[in-house]
Amino acid sequence: MSNDDITLTAGSTIGTWLAHPVGGDLIRGLLAQAGVGEEMLAPVRTLPLQQMVAMSNGQMPQSAVDDLVRAANGGEIPEPSDDGAWKEQVTAGRFGGKTVVVTGAASGIGRATASRILREGGRVVAVDVSAERLASLAASATSFDGEVVTVTGDITQQDDVDVIVAAAGGRIDALANIAGINDDFSPLHETSDAMWDRVIGVNLTGAFKLSRAVLPVMLAAGSGSIVNVASEAGLRGNASGNAYTVSKHGVVGLTKSAAFMYAQQGIRVNAVAPGGVATGIPMPPHVSEVGAARLGPFQAAIPSLATAEQLAASITFLLSDDGVNINGAVLASDGGWSVQ
């Protein structure tokens, strides 16, 4: 099939759009209006055009994507077509009868993970600081096979952690520690106490507190699976700022220590280390100029970005019984960034 014969939709990859004689001109025209070149799309060529809405933090609304699709198809929006883009493959019943605690469940990777577990028959205790977004998750889950219990809470606070465990109702088969925040890219000499305390608190201490709380339930059952979300910044020093890098290295250490300690008691503890993820997670308002300048060339080398659903596929694999013989692993789900 030639590029001329492909029907462009919002689900078509950005690379497919760029290679199409009509779609390519439309995308390049949009880039020209923004004053940027085609090279900026290199890391996202494998992502569907629709993903640009989430990535843009509101700068590219859904209406803009719809307008592009109409312009490429004579004013109509066609049915989705299969152009080889990755599509999520749900495994029915994979989490049937299991209760899984998911933090950061109201948006991004956390929401994608909670949604995948629910569609695979699991009961999800969905945790987030945003009650409004949790309500949206619960509303979207009414047609899923699984059940969702929402808990609005701060995982850095022990009282909230206790509420999360109580909401599980005495059974916790798995825990996905996904909640996390960015730092401001600051090098060590610029890192403030406030930035350090907040990033370490959410990314590392929160995962520690919740893991500590659920482990007695898992030990009593003689089984369990914990997946911590680390980062490419947990594998190298040139992916983010000081506080974030330290927090994610700490997550890797937390994972390996727990995997060793509980290996003979039926509990597996693993980590997923994402690279670039197209979730549109906001940065703090004041990013370090020194840090951003130093990190820029290395971040520009990211081979590709992943969608939240692609990361959820890695996370749910390790959470599920499909990961039965995997313990203490740090899975670099980063498009190959870690081998550069």
C-alpha atoms as a PDB file:
ATOM      1  CA  MET A   1       0.000   0.000   0.000  1.00  0.00           C
ATOM      2  CA  SER A   2       1.387   3.386  -0.957  1.00  0.00           C
ATOM      3  CA  ASN A   3       1.278   6.371   1.352  1.00  0.00           C
ATOM      4  CA  ASP A   4      -1.399   7.903  -0.904  1.00  0.00           C
ATOM      5  CA  ASP A   5      -3.759   4.978  -0.169  1.00  0.00           C
ATOM      6  CA  ILE A   6      -3.555   5.245   3.646  1.00  0.00           C
ATOM      7  CA  THR A   7      -6.565   6.714   5.412  1.00  0.00           C
ATOM      8  CA  LEU A   8      -5.310   9.097   8.074  1.00  0.00           C
ATOM      9  CA  THR A   9      -7.055   9.093  11.447  1.00  0.00           C
ATOM     10  CA  ALA A  10      -6.294  10.349  14.943  1.00  0.00           C
ATOM     11  CA  GLY A  11      -4.963   6.855  15.662  1.00  0.00           C
ATOM     12  CA  SER A  12      -2.452   6.956  12.813  1.00  0.00           C
ATOM     13  CA  THR A  13       1.115   7.485  13.938  1.00  0.00           C
ATOM     14  CA  ILE A  14       2.785  10.848  13.536  1.00  0.00           C
ATOM     15  CA  GLY A  15       5.320   9.128  11.274  1.00  0.00           C
ATOM     16  CA  THR A  16       2.465   7.931   9.048  1.00  0.00           C
ATOM     17  CA  TRP A  17       1.082  11.470   8.887  1.00  0.00           C
ATOM     18  CA  LEU A  18       4.485  12.906   7.947  1.00  0.00           C
ATOM     19  CA  ALA A  19       4.963  10.338   5.168  1.00  0.00           C
ATOM     20  CA  HIS A  20       1.539  11.028   3.657  1.00  0.00           C
ATOM     21  CA  PRO A  21       1.456  13.612   0.828  1.00  0.00           C
ATOM     22  CA  VAL A  22      -1.516  15.453   2.337  1.00  0.00           C
ATOM     23  CA  GLY A  23      -0.988  14.739   6.024  1.00  0.00           C
ATOM     24  CA  GLY A  24       2.689  15.643   5.868  1.00  0.00           C
ATOM     25  CA  ASP A  25       1.928  19.086   4.491  1.00  0.00           C
ATOM     26  CA  LEU A  26      -0.706  19.638   7.185  1.00  0.00           C
ATOM     27  CA  ILE A  27       1.651  18.697  10.034  1.00  0.00           C
ATOM     28  CA  ARG A  28       4.533  20.734   8.631  1.00  0.00           C
ATOM     29  CA  GLY A  29       2.240  23.717   8.213  1.00  0.00           C
ATOM     30  CA  LEU A  30       1.214  23.415  11.863  1.00  0.00           C
ATOM     31  CA  LEU A  31       4.866  23.259  12.925  1.00  0.00           C
ATOM     32  CA  ALA A  32       5.704  26.285  10.798  1.00  0.00           C
ATOM     33  CA  GLN A  33       2.978  28.297  12.524  1.00  0.00           C
ATOM     34  CA  ALA A  34       4.619  27.419  15.846  1.00  0.00           C
ATOM     35  CA  GLY A  35       8.043  28.353  14.503  1.00  0.00           C
ATOM     36  CA  VAL A  36       9.594  24.892  14.918  1.00  0.00           C
ATOM     37  CA  GLY A  37      10.957  22.264  12.551  1.00  0.00           C
ATOM     38  CA  GLU A  38      10.013  18.671  11.793  1.00  0.00           C
ATOM     39  CA  GLU A  39      13.018  17.387  13.748  1.00  0.00           C
ATOM     40  CA  MET A  40      11.231  18.080  17.029  1.00  0.00           C
ATOM     41  CA  LEU A  41       8.833  15.235  16.221  1.00  0.00           C
ATOM     42  CA  ALA A  42      11.582  12.590  15.961  1.00  0.00           C
ATOM     43  CA  PRO A  43      10.942  11.073  19.434  1.00  0.00           C
ATOM     44  CA  VAL A  44       7.180  10.862  18.859  1.00  0.00           C
ATOM     45  CA  ARG A  45       7.011   9.473  15.322  1.00  0.00           C
ATOM     46  CA  THR A  46       5.720   6.119  16.597  1.00  0.00           C
ATOM     47  CA  LEU A  47       2.929   7.673  18.676  1.00  0.00           C
ATOM     48  CA  PRO A  48      -0.621   8.228  17.419  1.00  0.00           C
ATOM     49  CA  LEU A  49      -1.544  11.796  16.493  1.00  0.00           C
ATOM     50  CA  GLN A  50      -4.185  11.685  19.238  1.00  0.00           C
ATOM     51  CA  GLN A  51      -1.429  11.565  21.840  1.00  0.00           C
ATOM     52  CA  MET A  52      -0.490  15.156  21.035  1.00  0.00           C
ATOM     53  CA  VAL A  53      -3.521  16.304  23.023  1.00  0.00           C
ATOM     54  CA  ALA A  54      -2.174  14.808  26.265  1.00  0.00           C
ATOM     55  CA  MET A  55       1.399  15.849  25.533  1.00  0.00           C
ATOM     56  CA  SER A  56       0.582  19.487  24.884  1.00  0.00           C
ATOM     57  CA  ASN A  57      -0.837  20.316  28.336  1.00  0.00           C
ATOM     58  CA  GLY A  58      -3.833  21.987  26.725  1.00  0.00           C
ATOM     59  CA  GLN A  59      -1.945  23.850  23.987  1.00  0.00           C
ATOM     60  CA  MET A  60      -3.294  21.447  21.355  1.00  0.00           C
ATOM     61  CA  PRO A  61      -6.977  20.794  22.041  1.00  0.00           C
ATOM     62  CA  GLN A  62      -8.961  17.852  20.731  1.00  0.00           C
ATOM     63  CA  SER A  63     -10.608  20.153  18.200  1.00  0.00           C
ATOM     64  CA  ALA A  64      -7.209  20.775  16.560  1.00  0.00           C
ATOM     65  CA  VAL A  65      -6.676  17.038  16.034  1.00  0.00           C
ATOM     66  CA  ASP A  66     -10.210  16.666  14.676  1.00  0.00           C
ATOM     67  CA  ASP A  67      -9.592  19.565  12.270  1.00  0.00           C
ATOM     68  CA  LEU A  68      -6.402  17.920  10.970  1.00  0.00           C
ATOM     69  CA  VAL A  69      -8.197  14.623  10.395  1.00  0.00           C
ATOM     70  CA  ARG A  70     -11.019  16.375   8.552  1.00  0.00           C
ATOM     71  CA  ALA A  71      -8.576  18.355   6.421  1.00  0.00           C
ATOM     72  CA  ALA A  72      -6.793  15.147   5.427  1.00  0.00           C
ATOM     73  CA  ASN A  73     -10.057  13.415   4.483  1.00  0.00           C
ATOM     74  CA  GLY A  74     -12.116  15.922   2.556  1.00  0.00           C
ATOM     75  CA  GLY A  75     -13.971  17.261   5.578  1.00  0.00           C
ATOM     76  CA  GLU A  76     -14.916  13.866   7.068  1.00  0.00           C
ATOM     77  CA  ILE A  77     -13.646  11.962  10.104  1.00  0.00           C
ATOM     78  CA  PRO A  78     -13.237   8.338   8.970  1.00  0.00           C
ATOM     79  CA  GLU A  79     -13.377   5.194  11.045  1.00  0.00           C
ATOM     80  CA  PRO A  80     -10.072   4.252  12.714  1.00  0.00           C
ATOM     81  CA  SER A  81      -7.742   2.290  10.448  1.00  0.00           C
ATOM     82  CA  ASP A  82      -4.955  -0.180  11.203  1.00  0.00           C
ATOM     83  CA  ASP A  83      -1.668   1.327  10.043  1.00  0.00           C
ATOM     84  CA  GLY A  84       0.570  -0.798  12.234  1.00  0.00           C
ATOM     85  CA  ALA A  85       0.470   1.435  15.319  1.00  0.00           C
ATOM     86  CA  TRP A  86       0.723  -0.349  18.672  1.00  0.00           C
ATOM     87  CA  LYS A  87      -2.632  -1.236  20.172  1.00  0.00           C
ATOM     88  CA  GLU A  88      -3.307  -2.341  23.715  1.00  0.00           C
ATOM     89  CA  GLN A  89      -4.195  -6.045  23.979  1.00  0.00           C
ATOM     90  CA  VAL A  90      -6.322  -6.678  27.061  1.00  0.00           C
ATOM     91  CA  THR A  91      -6.063 -10.154  28.618  1.00  0.00           C
ATOM     92  CA  ALA A  92      -9.505 -11.004  29.971  1.00  0.00           C
ATOM     93  CA  GLY A  93      -9.490 -12.260  33.551  1.00  0.00           C
ATOM     94  CA  ARG A  94      -5.763 -11.810  34.156  1.00  0.00           C
ATOM     95  CA  PHE A  95      -6.490  -9.968  37.422  1.00  0.00           C
ATOM     96  CA  GLY A  96      -9.733 -11.788  38.189  1.00  0.00           C
ATOM     97  CA  GLY A  97     -10.267 -12.141  41.946  1.00  0.00           C
ATOM     98  CA  LYS A  98      -7.271  -9.921  42.767  1.00  0.00           C
ATOM     99  CA  THR A  99      -7.124  -6.619  44.626  1.00  0.00           C
ATOM    100  CA  VAL A 100      -4.492  -4.176  43.421  1.00  0.00           C
ATOM    101  CA  VAL A 101      -3.579  -0.843  45.029  1.00  0.00           C
ATOM    102  CA  VAL A 102      -2.553   1.744  42.432  1.00  0.00           C
ATOM    103  CA  THR A 103      -1.184   5.155  43.429  1.00  0.00           C
ATOM    104  CA  GLY A 104      -1.263   8.152  41.139  1.00  0.00           C
ATOM    105  CA  ALA A 105      -4.321   6.436  39.678  1.00  0.00           C
ATOM    106  CA  ALA A 106      -6.193   9.541  38.536  1.00  0.00           C
ATOM    107  CA  SER A 107      -3.970  10.514  35.612  1.00  0.00           C
ATOM    108  CA  GLY A 108      -1.145   9.481  33.320  1.00  0.00           C
ATOM    109  CA  ILE A 109       0.567   6.137  33.854  1.00  0.00           C
ATOM    110  CA  GLY A 110      -1.378   5.490  37.055  1.00  0.00           C
ATOM    111  CA  ARG A 111      -4.753   5.908  35.380  1.00  0.00           C
ATOM    112  CA  ALA A 112      -3.706   3.769  32.420  1.00  0.00           C
ATOM    113  CA  THR A 113      -2.548   1.039  34.811  1.00  0.00           C
ATOM    114  CA  ALA A 114      -5.722   1.167  36.904  1.00  0.00           C
ATOM    115  CA  SER A 115      -7.832   1.068  33.749  1.00  0.00           C
ATOM    116  CA  ARG A 116      -5.940  -1.947  32.380  1.00  0.00           C
ATOM    117  CA  ILE A 117      -6.342  -3.884  35.636  1.00  0.00           C
ATOM    118  CA  LEU A 118     -10.063  -3.075  35.797  1.00  0.00           C
ATOM    119  CA  ARG A 119     -10.597  -4.232  32.218  1.00  0.00           C
ATOM    120  CA  GLU A 120      -8.750  -7.436  33.081  1.00  0.00           C
ATOM    121  CA  GLY A 121     -11.148  -8.194  35.917  1.00  0.00           C
ATOM    122  CA  GLY A 122      -9.265  -6.840  38.943  1.00  0.00           C
ATOM    123  CA  ARG A 123     -10.464  -4.852  41.925  1.00  0.00           C
ATOM    124  CA  VAL A 124      -8.490  -1.591  42.085  1.00  0.00           C
ATOM    125  CA  VAL A 125      -7.968   0.571  45.143  1.00  0.00           C
ATOM    126  CA  ALA A 126      -7.276   3.774  43.227  1.00  0.00           C
ATOM    127  CA  VAL A 127      -5.274   6.362  45.183  1.00  0.00           C
ATOM    128  CA  ASP A 128      -4.618   9.972  44.252  1.00  0.00           C
ATOM    129  CA  VAL A 129      -4.571  13.476  45.743  1.00  0.00           C
ATOM    130  CA  SER A 130      -7.255  14.621  43.272  1.00  0.00           C
ATOM    131  CA  ALA A 131     -10.786  13.643  44.245  1.00  0.00           C
ATOM    132  CA  GLU A 132     -12.152  15.154  41.033  1.00  0.00           C
ATOM    133  CA  ARG A 133      -9.941  13.072  38.752  1.00  0.00           C
ATOM    134  CA  LEU A 134     -10.591   9.944  40.823  1.00  0.00           C
ATOM    135  CA  ALA A 135     -14.309  10.504  40.318  1.00  0.00           C
ATOM    136  CA  SER A 136     -13.675  10.673  36.582  1.00  0.00           C
ATOM    137  CA  LEU A 137     -11.815   7.341  36.722  1.00  0.00           C
ATOM    138  CA  ALA A 138     -14.665   5.751  38.678  1.00  0.00           C
ATOM    139  CA  ALA A 139     -17.224   7.041  36.177  1.00  0.00           C
ATOM    140  CA  SER A 140     -15.248   5.625  33.259  1.00  0.00           C
ATOM    141  CA  ALA A 141     -14.978   2.222  34.957  1.00  0.00           C
ATOM    142  CA  THR A 142     -18.695   1.447  35.071  1.00  0.00           C
ATOM    143  CA  SER A 143     -18.463  -0.684  31.924  1.00  0.00           C
ATOM    144  CA  PHE A 144     -15.336  -2.575  33.000  1.00  0.00           C
ATOM    145  CA  ASP A 145     -15.225  -6.101  34.407  1.00  0.00           C
ATOM    146  CA  GLY A 146     -13.437  -5.037  37.598  1.00  0.00           C
ATOM    147  CA  GLU A 147     -14.397  -2.897  40.587  1.00  0.00           C
ATOM    148  CA  VAL A 148     -12.828   0.375  41.653  1.00  0.00           C
ATOM    149  CA  VAL A 149     -12.577   1.790  45.166  1.00  0.00           C
ATOM    150  CA  THR A 150     -11.269   5.356  45.273  1.00  0.00           C
ATOM    151  CA  VAL A 151      -9.205   6.858  48.078  1.00  0.00           C
ATOM    152  CA  THR A 152      -8.237  10.508  48.083  1.00  0.00           C
ATOM    153  CA  GLY A 153      -5.037  10.713  50.052  1.00  0.00           C
ATOM    154  CA  ASP A 154      -1.394  11.728  50.348  1.00  0.00           C
ATOM    155  CA  ILE A 155       0.933   8.723  50.439  1.00  0.00           C
ATOM    156  CA  THR A 156       3.509  10.707  52.412  1.00  0.00           C
ATOM    157  CA  GLN A 157       1.078  10.883  55.366  1.00  0.00           C
ATOM    158  CA  GLN A 158       0.786   7.784  57.568  1.00  0.00           C
ATOM    159  CA  ASP A 159      -2.867   8.428  58.411  1.00  0.00           C
ATOM    160  CA  ASP A 160      -3.722   8.412  54.706  1.00  0.00           C
ATOM    161  CA  VAL A 161      -1.670   5.272  54.157  1.00  0.00           C
ATOM    162  CA  ASP A 162      -3.683   3.558  56.899  1.00  0.00           C
ATOM    163  CA  VAL A 163      -6.913   4.578  55.161  1.00  0.00           C
ATOM    164  CA  ILE A 164      -5.645   3.104  51.880  1.00  0.00           C
ATOM    165  CA  VAL A 165      -4.887  -0.253  53.479  1.00  0.00           C
ATOM    166  CA  ALA A 166      -8.244  -0.293  55.264  1.00  0.00           C
ATOM    167  CA  ALA A 167     -10.027   0.399  51.966  1.00  0.00           C
ATOM    168  CA  ALA A 168      -8.543  -2.773  50.517  1.00  0.00           C
ATOM    169  CA  GLY A 169     -10.636  -4.772  52.975  1.00  0.00           C
ATOM    170  CA  GLY A 170      -8.048  -7.244  54.200  1.00  0.00           C
ATOM    171  CA  ARG A 171      -6.797  -8.444  50.832  1.00  0.00           C
ATOM    172  CA  ILE A 172      -3.971  -6.902  48.777  1.00  0.00           C
ATOM    173  CA  ASP A 173      -2.581  -9.068  46.009  1.00  0.00           C
ATOM    174  CA  ALA A 174      -0.480  -6.373  44.377  1.00  0.00           C
ATOM    175  CA  LEU A 175       0.705  -2.796  44.752  1.00  0.00           C
ATOM    176  CA  ALA A 176       1.719  -0.393  42.003  1.00  0.00           C
ATOM    177  CA  ASN A 177       3.669   2.563  43.408  1.00  0.00           C
ATOM    178  CA  ILE A 178       3.227   4.978  40.500  1.00  0.00           C
ATOM    179  CA  ALA A 179       2.602   8.391  42.080  1.00  0.00           C
ATOM    180  CA  GLY A 180       5.478  10.749  41.405  1.00  0.00           C
ATOM    181  CA  ILE A 181       6.444  14.333  40.686  1.00  0.00           C
ATOM    182  CA  ASN A 182       9.179  16.092  38.717  1.00  0.00           C
ATOM    183  CA  ASP A 183      11.880  18.299  40.123  1.00  0.00           C
ATOM    184  CA  ASP A 184      13.048  21.590  38.604  1.00  0.00           C
ATOM    185  CA  PHE A 185      16.174  20.142  36.904  1.00  0.00           C
ATOM    186  CA  SER A 186      18.343  21.875  39.494  1.00  0.00           C
ATOM    187  CA  PRO A 187      21.904  20.688  40.136  1.00  0.00           C
ATOM    188  CA  LEU A 188      22.810  19.947  43.746  1.00  0.00           C
ATOM    189  CA  HIS A 189      24.096  23.405  44.637  1.00  0.00           C
ATOM    190  CA  GLU A 190      20.804  24.989  43.514  1.00  0.00           C
ATOM    191  CA  THR A 191      18.396  22.429  45.021  1.00  0.00           C
ATOM    192  CA  SER A 192      16.222  23.986  47.711  1.00  0.00           C
ATOM    193  CA  ASP A 193      15.091  22.219  50.879  1.00  0.00           C
ATOM    194  CA  ALA A 194      11.484  22.550  49.714  1.00  0.00           C
ATOM    195  CA  MET A 195      12.185  20.890  46.341  1.00  0.00           C
ATOM    196  CA  TRP A 196      14.280  18.129  47.919  1.00  0.00           C
ATOM    197  CA  ASP A 197      11.758  17.355  50.652  1.00  0.00           C
ATOM    198  CA  ARG A 198       8.745  17.289  48.307  1.00  0.00           C
ATOM    199  CA  VAL A 199      10.326  15.162  45.566  1.00  0.00           C
ATOM    200  CA  ILE A 200      11.954  12.690  47.951  1.00  0.00           C
ATOM    201  CA  GLY A 201       8.740  12.592  49.980  1.00  0.00           C
ATOM    202  CA  VAL A 202       6.397  11.711  47.128  1.00  0.00           C
ATOM    203  CA  ASN A 203       8.701   9.633  44.930  1.00  0.00           C
ATOM    204  CA  LEU A 204      10.556   7.628  47.571  1.00  0.00           C
ATOM    205  CA  THR A 205       9.152   8.029  51.079  1.00  0.00           C
ATOM    206  CA  GLY A 206       5.566   7.569  49.878  1.00  0.00           C
ATOM    207  CA  ALA A 207       6.466   4.304  48.130  1.00  0.00           C
ATOM    208  CA  PHE A 208       8.311   3.188  51.265  1.00  0.00           C
ATOM    209  CA  LYS A 209       5.414   3.963  53.600  1.00  0.00           C
ATOM    210  CA  LEU A 210       2.768   2.267  51.479  1.00  0.00           C
ATOM    211  CA  SER A 211       4.926  -0.781  50.765  1.00  0.00           C
ATOM    212  CA  ARG A 212       5.659  -1.116  54.481  1.00  0.00           C
ATOM    213  CA  ALA A 213       1.928  -0.995  55.186  1.00  0.00           C
ATOM    214  CA  VAL A 214       0.823  -3.593  52.614  1.00  0.00           C
ATOM    215  CA  LEU A 215       3.597  -6.123  53.203  1.00  0.00           C
ATOM    216  CA  PRO A 216       2.083  -7.606  56.392  1.00  0.00           C
ATOM    217  CA  VAL A 217      -1.101  -8.354  54.410  1.00  0.00           C
ATOM    218  CA  MET A 218       0.928 -10.045  51.687  1.00  0.00           C
ATOM    219  CA  LEU A 219       3.053 -11.947  54.199  1.00  0.00           C
ATOM    220  CA  ALA A 220      -0.063 -13.292  55.880  1.00  0.00           C
ATOM    221  CA  ALA A 221      -1.324 -14.498  52.494  1.00  0.00           C
ATOM    222  CA  GLY A 222       2.047 -15.919  51.477  1.00  0.00           C
ATOM    223  CA  SER A 223       1.999 -14.112  48.149  1.00  0.00           C
ATOM    224  CA  GLY A 224       2.083 -10.678  46.575  1.00  0.00           C
ATOM    225  CA  SER A 225       3.581  -8.505  43.881  1.00  0.00           C
ATOM    226  CA  ILE A 226       4.886  -4.953  44.189  1.00  0.00           C
ATOM    227  CA  VAL A 227       5.919  -2.843  41.215  1.00  0.00           C
ATOM    228  CA  ASN A 228       7.651   0.471  41.827  1.00  0.00           C
ATOM    229  CA  VAL A 229       7.935   3.047  39.071  1.00  0.00           C
ATOM    230  CA  ALA A 230      11.535   4.186  38.959  1.00  0.00           C
ATOM    231  CA  SER A 231      12.820   6.106  35.941  1.00  0.00           C
ATOM    232  CA  GLU A 232      15.618   6.352  33.441  1.00  0.00           C
ATOM    233  CA  ALA A 233      16.871   8.810  36.075  1.00  0.00           C
ATOM    234  CA  GLY A 234      17.265   5.833  38.399  1.00  0.00           C
ATOM    235  CA  LEU A 235      19.771   4.310  35.972  1.00  0.00           C
ATOM    236  CA  ARG A 236      21.859   7.345  34.997  1.00  0.00           C
ATOM    237  CA  GLY A 237      22.761  10.832  36.153  1.00  0.00           C
ATOM    238  CA  ASN A 238      21.933  12.862  33.056  1.00  0.00           C
ATOM    239  CA  ALA A 239      18.162  12.366  32.767  1.00  0.00           C
ATOM    240  CA  SER A 240      16.844  14.883  35.307  1.00  0.00           C
ATOM    241  CA  GLY A 241      17.719  17.122  38.233  1.00  0.00           C
ATOM    242  CA  ASN A 242      19.377  16.234  41.521  1.00  0.00           C
ATOM    243  CA  ALA A 243      16.322  15.575  43.699  1.00  0.00           C
ATOM    244  CA  TYR A 244      14.467  13.500  41.093  1.00  0.00           C
ATOM    245  CA  THR A 245      17.575  11.490  40.216  1.00  0.00           C
ATOM    246  CA  VAL A 246      18.282  10.725  43.864  1.00  0.00           C
ATOM    247  CA  SER A 247      14.650   9.772  44.503  1.00  0.00           C
ATOM    248  CA  LYS A 248      14.561   7.317  41.605  1.00  0.00           C
ATOM    249  CA  HIS A 249      17.919   5.772  42.485  1.00  0.00           C
ATOM    250  CA  GLY A 250      16.382   5.308  45.929  1.00  0.00           C
ATOM    251  CA  VAL A 251      13.363   3.566  44.397  1.00  0.00           C
ATOM    252  CA  VAL A 252      15.726   1.125  42.689  1.00  0.00           C
ATOM    253  CA  GLY A 253      17.420   0.426  46.026  1.00  0.00           C
ATOM    254  CA  LEU A 254      14.063   0.020  47.785  1.00  0.00           C
ATOM    255  CA  THR A 255      13.061  -2.484  45.103  1.00  0.00           C
ATOM    256  CA  LYS A 256      16.200  -4.589  45.257  1.00  0.00           C
ATOM    257  CA  SER A 257      16.352  -4.717  49.049  1.00  0.00           C
ATOM    258  CA  ALA A 258      12.718  -5.781  49.372  1.00  0.00           C
ATOM    259  CA  ALA A 259      13.036  -8.313  46.542  1.00  0.00           C
ATOM    260  CA  PHE A 260      15.897  -9.969  48.416  1.00  0.00           C
ATOM    261  CA  MET A 261      14.267  -9.845  51.831  1.00  0.00           C
ATOM    262  CA  TYR A 262      10.923 -11.383  50.802  1.00  0.00           C
ATOM    263  CA  ALA A 263      12.018 -13.693  47.969  1.00  0.00           C
ATOM    264  CA  GLN A 264      11.435 -16.823  50.050  1.00  0.00           C
ATOM    265  CA  GLN A 265       8.024 -15.677  51.298  1.00  0.00           C
ATOM    266  CA  GLY A 266       6.119 -15.614  48.036  1.00  0.00           C
ATOM    267  CA  ILE A 267       6.459 -11.883  47.390  1.00  0.00           C
ATOM    268  CA  ARG A 268       7.971 -10.413  44.238  1.00  0.00           C
ATOM    269  CA  VAL A 269       9.205  -6.810  44.102  1.00  0.00           C
ATOM    270  CA  ASN A 270      10.199  -5.282  40.779  1.00  0.00           C
ATOM    271  CA  ALA A 271      10.551  -1.863  39.183  1.00  0.00           C
ATOM    272  CA  VAL A 272       9.790  -0.344  35.813  1.00  0.00           C
ATOM    273  CA  ALA A 273      12.105   2.435  34.651  1.00  0.00           C
ATOM    274  CA  PRO A 274      10.342   4.601  32.038  1.00  0.00           C
ATOM    275  CA  GLY A 275      12.192   6.874  29.695  1.00  0.00           C
ATOM    276  CA  GLY A 276      10.279   9.644  27.956  1.00  0.00           C
ATOM    277  CA  VAL A 277       6.533   9.340  28.462  1.00  0.00           C
ATOM    278  CA  ALA A 278       3.950  11.364  26.580  1.00  0.00           C
ATOM    279  CA  THR A 279       1.670  12.161  29.491  1.00  0.00           C
ATOM    280  CA  GLY A 280       2.034  15.924  29.645  1.00  0.00           C
ATOM    281  CA  ILE A 281       3.119  15.879  33.312  1.00  0.00           C
ATOM    282  CA  PRO A 282       3.684  19.552  34.252  1.00  0.00           C
ATOM    283  CA  MET A 283       7.084  20.829  35.282  1.00  0.00           C
ATOM    284  CA  PRO A 284       7.524  23.142  38.280  1.00  0.00           C
ATOM    285  CA  PRO A 285       7.101  26.818  37.325  1.00  0.00           C
ATOM    286  CA  HIS A 286      10.772  27.772  37.760  1.00  0.00           C
ATOM    287  CA  VAL A 287      13.083  25.339  35.982  1.00  0.00           C
ATOM    288  CA  SER A 288      16.804  25.715  36.624  1.00  0.00           C
ATOM    289  CA  GLU A 289      18.525  27.387  33.661  1.00  0.00           C
ATOM    290  CA  VAL A 290      21.833  25.763  34.605  1.00  0.00           C
ATOM    291  CA  GLY A 291      20.309  22.306  34.898  1.00  0.00           C
ATOM    292  CA  ALA A 292      18.201  22.592  31.763  1.00  0.00           C
ATOM    293  CA  ALA A 293      21.186  23.722  29.702  1.00  0.00           C
ATOM    294  CA  ARG A 294      23.334  20.844  30.933  1.00  0.00           C
ATOM    295  CA  LEU A 295      20.598  18.200  30.504  1.00  0.00           C
ATOM    296  CA  GLY A 296      19.241  19.471  27.197  1.00  0.00           C
ATOM    297  CA  PRO A 297      21.579  17.672  24.758  1.00  0.00           C
ATOM    298  CA  PHE A 298      21.136  14.363  26.581  1.00  0.00           C
ATOM    299  CA  GLN A 299      17.353  14.620  26.788  1.00  0.00           C
ATOM    300  CA  ALA A 300      17.314  15.427  23.077  1.00  0.00           C
ATOM    301  CA  ALA A 301      18.817  11.972  22.497  1.00  0.00           C
ATOM    302  CA  ILE A 302      15.719  10.178  23.806  1.00  0.00           C
ATOM    303  CA  PRO A 303      15.012   7.643  21.029  1.00  0.00           C
ATOM    304  CA  SER A 304      11.225   7.649  21.434  1.00  0.00           C
ATOM    305  CA  LEU A 305       8.427   8.571  23.780  1.00  0.00           C
ATOM    306  CA  ALA A 306       5.943   6.030  25.125  1.00  0.00           C
ATOM    307  CA  THR A 307       2.262   6.431  25.856  1.00  0.00           C
ATOM    308  CA  ALA A 308       0.877   5.893  29.348  1.00  0.00           C
ATOM    309  CA  GLU A 309      -0.836   2.745  28.034  1.00  0.00           C
ATOM    310  CA  GLN A 310       2.476   1.328  26.834  1.00  0.00           C
ATOM    311  CA  LEU A 311       3.980   1.845  30.282  1.00  0.00           C
ATOM    312  CA  ALA A 312       0.893   0.260  31.842  1.00  0.00           C
ATOM    313  CA  ALA A 313       1.545  -2.824  29.704  1.00  0.00           C
ATOM    314  CA  SER A 314       5.001  -3.192  31.278  1.00  0.00           C
ATOM    315  CA  ILE A 315       3.717  -2.522  34.791  1.00  0.00           C
ATOM    316  CA  THR A 316       0.759  -4.902  34.634  1.00  0.00           C
ATOM    317  CA  PHE A 317       2.969  -7.648  33.208  1.00  0.00           C
ATOM    318  CA  LEU A 318       5.179  -7.527  36.300  1.00  0.00           C
ATOM    319  CA  LEU A 319       2.199  -7.119  38.648  1.00  0.00           C
ATOM    320  CA  SER A 320       0.404 -10.126  37.208  1.00  0.00           C
ATOM    321  CA  ASP A 321       1.140 -13.826  37.459  1.00  0.00           C
ATOM    322  CA  ASP A 322       2.734 -13.551  33.999  1.00  0.00           C
ATOM    323  CA  GLY A 323       5.781 -12.220  35.857  1.00  0.00           C
ATOM    324  CA  VAL A 324       5.868 -15.300  38.093  1.00  0.00           C
ATOM    325  CA  ASN A 325       9.644 -15.898  37.942  1.00  0.00           C
ATOM    326  CA  ILE A 326      10.753 -12.263  37.941  1.00  0.00           C
ATOM    327  CA  ASN A 327      11.955 -10.714  41.200  1.00  0.00           C
ATOM    328  CA  GLY A 328      14.298  -7.809  41.845  1.00  0.00           C
ATOM    329  CA  ALA A 329      14.312  -6.746  38.205  1.00  0.00           C
ATOM    330  CA  VAL A 330      14.479  -3.157  36.999  1.00  0.00           C
ATOM    331  CA  LEU A 331      12.746  -3.245  33.635  1.00  0.00           C
ATOM    332  CA  ALA A 332      13.942  -0.380  31.447  1.00  0.00           C
ATOM    333  CA  SER A 333      10.772   0.436  29.499  1.00  0.00           C
ATOM    334  CA  ASP A 334      12.467   3.302  27.693  1.00  0.00           C
ATOM    335  CA  GLY A 335      12.610   2.569  23.970  1.00  0.00           C
ATOM    336  CA  GLY A 336      16.300   1.697  24.253  1.00  0.00           C
ATOM    337  CA  TRP A 337      17.457   4.919  25.893  1.00  0.00           C
ATOM    338  CA  SER A 338      19.360   3.002  28.573  1.00  0.00           C
ATOM    339  CA  VAL A 339      21.598   1.278  26.032  1.00  0.00           C
ATOM    340  CA  GLN A 340      22.819   4.524  24.453  1.00  0.00           C
END
